[in-house]
Amino acid sequence: MLHPRARTMLLLSLPAVAIGIASSLILIVVMKIASVLQ
């Protein structure tokens, strides 16, 4: 089993990772739309 503090850190880091992935995907989509509109 993981250390309780390590598990807490992991649970806290998961939303941050998800937000990072989502924001990078949104950025890629926005850049593609901008290149199409030009």
C-alpha atoms as a PDB file:
ATOM      1  CA  MET A   1       0.000   0.000   0.000  1.00  0.00           C
ATOM      2  CA  LEU A   2       1.000   3.577  -0.594  1.00  0.00           C
ATOM      3  CA  HIS A   3       1.891   5.899   2.217  1.00  0.00           C
ATOM      4  CA  PRO A   4      -1.249   7.873   3.244  1.00  0.00           C
ATOM      5  CA  ARG A   5       0.454  11.189   2.492  1.00  0.00           C
ATOM      6  CA  ALA A   6       1.626   9.908  -0.907  1.00  0.00           C
ATOM      7  CA  ARG A   7      -1.934   8.826  -1.670  1.00  0.00           C
ATOM      8  CA  THR A   8      -3.243  12.257  -0.690  1.00  0.00           C
ATOM      9  CA  MET A   9      -0.637  13.954  -2.884  1.00  0.00           C
ATOM     10  CA  LEU A  10      -1.589  11.681  -5.784  1.00  0.00           C
ATOM     11  CA  LEU A  11      -5.301  12.425  -5.356  1.00  0.00           C
ATOM     12  CA  LEU A  12      -4.551  16.152  -5.219  1.00  0.00           C
ATOM     13  CA  SER A  13      -2.307  16.020  -8.290  1.00  0.00           C
ATOM     14  CA  LEU A  14      -4.819  14.177 -10.494  1.00  0.00           C
ATOM     15  CA  PRO A  15      -7.164  17.187 -10.971  1.00  0.00           C
ATOM     16  CA  ALA A  16      -4.155  19.408 -11.692  1.00  0.00           C
ATOM     17  CA  VAL A  17      -2.930  16.978 -14.366  1.00  0.00           C
ATOM     18  CA  ALA A  18      -6.435  16.775 -15.876  1.00  0.00           C
ATOM     19  CA  ILE A  19      -6.689  20.580 -15.972  1.00  0.00           C
ATOM     20  CA  GLY A  20      -3.264  20.816 -17.629  1.00  0.00           C
ATOM     21  CA  ILE A  21      -4.181  18.280 -20.317  1.00  0.00           C
ATOM     22  CA  ALA A  22      -7.554  19.947 -20.941  1.00  0.00           C
ATOM     23  CA  SER A  23      -6.030  23.428 -21.226  1.00  0.00           C
ATOM     24  CA  SER A  24      -3.342  22.223 -23.645  1.00  0.00           C
ATOM     25  CA  LEU A  25      -5.978  20.506 -25.800  1.00  0.00           C
ATOM     26  CA  ILE A  26      -8.107  23.674 -25.804  1.00  0.00           C
ATOM     27  CA  LEU A  27      -5.037  25.700 -26.789  1.00  0.00           C
ATOM     28  CA  ILE A  28      -4.313  23.337 -29.722  1.00  0.00           C
ATOM     29  CA  VAL A  29      -7.949  23.537 -30.897  1.00  0.00           C
ATOM     30  CA  VAL A  30      -7.942  27.342 -30.677  1.00  0.00           C
ATOM     31  CA  MET A  31      -4.698  27.556 -32.655  1.00  0.00           C
ATOM     32  CA  LYS A  32      -6.106  25.232 -35.352  1.00  0.00           C
ATOM     33  CA  ILE A  33      -9.293  27.312 -35.603  1.00  0.00           C
ATOM     34  CA  ALA A  34      -7.217  30.495 -35.829  1.00  0.00           C
ATOM     35  CA  SER A  35      -5.072  29.035 -38.618  1.00  0.00           C
ATOM     36  CA  VAL A  36      -8.202  27.955 -40.528  1.00  0.00           C
ATOM     37  CA  LEU A  37      -9.774  31.412 -40.195  1.00  0.00           C
ATOM     38  CA  GLN A  38      -6.703  33.192 -41.513  1.00  0.00           C
END
